[in-house]
Amino acid sequence: MGRPAIFKCRLPKPYRHPELDQQLRASRTKNEAKLLQEARRRGVPTPIIFDICLAEGTMVMQYIEGPRAKDLLESAPEEEAVQIAGKIGTMVAKLHAGGMTHGDLTTSNMIVHDGRVYLIDISLGSKIAGVEEMGVDMHLLREAFQSAHSSRMYLFDEVVRSYSSAFPRASEVLAKVHQIEARGRYT
C-alpha cells in the first residue's frame, strides 16, 4: 500500500504440540494487536496495525523510523536526553492510567521519531493491570536504566517526575516499586 511496514511473525516452536503452539501464537498475536490499539487510543504512540493473521501468528504494522530510546539516551546531548526521559514518564503514565502495562518496559522497546517516543513490542502486557503489575513495569524500567544508562541514572529521576505529574496514582505505584525491590534483597 506504499507505506513503510514491518512484518512480525511468531515462529512455530517445534518442542510444543502443534495445536497448542498454533493456539498460543494466535492468542499472543491477537493480544498484542489489541494492546497496541488500546494504548494508541489512550494517547500512547504505538505503531499502526495494517494487517493481522491469527492462523499464521503474524502482524503487519507501521514501520517507525528512528533510533531506540536506549541508544539515543546514551548519545543525545543532556538537554535532549532529559526531554526524552520526560516523554517516557508521560507515556508510561498514560498507559498506566488506562489500567494497562507493557510487561517488558525497557528503553529497547521504545523508538524515538520526530520528537515522539513510540512504544513497541507490548506482547507481554495486560489490559487489566493493578498496582502490582504497574510497579513491576516501573521496576523493570528502573533496572533498564541501571543497566543501560548507569552513567545517566539521573534521567530515571526525570521519568519518575513526569510520571508522577501525569498519573494521579503514581505514589501508590512507586511505593509498590520499593516493595518489589525489597523482596529481592537479602539481609
Foldseek 3Di string as FASTA:
>chain_A
DPADKDKDFDDFDPVDDVVVSLVVLLVLLVQQLVLQVVLVVLPAAAWAWDDADSSGSMTITHDADADQLLVCLVPPPPVLNLLVLLLLLLSLLSQVLQQKAQQQQESRQWGAHPNHIYGHDSSRMDRHHDLLRSLVNLLNHLVNCCPRPVVVSVSNVSSLVNNVVNHVCSVSSPVSNVVVVVVPDDD
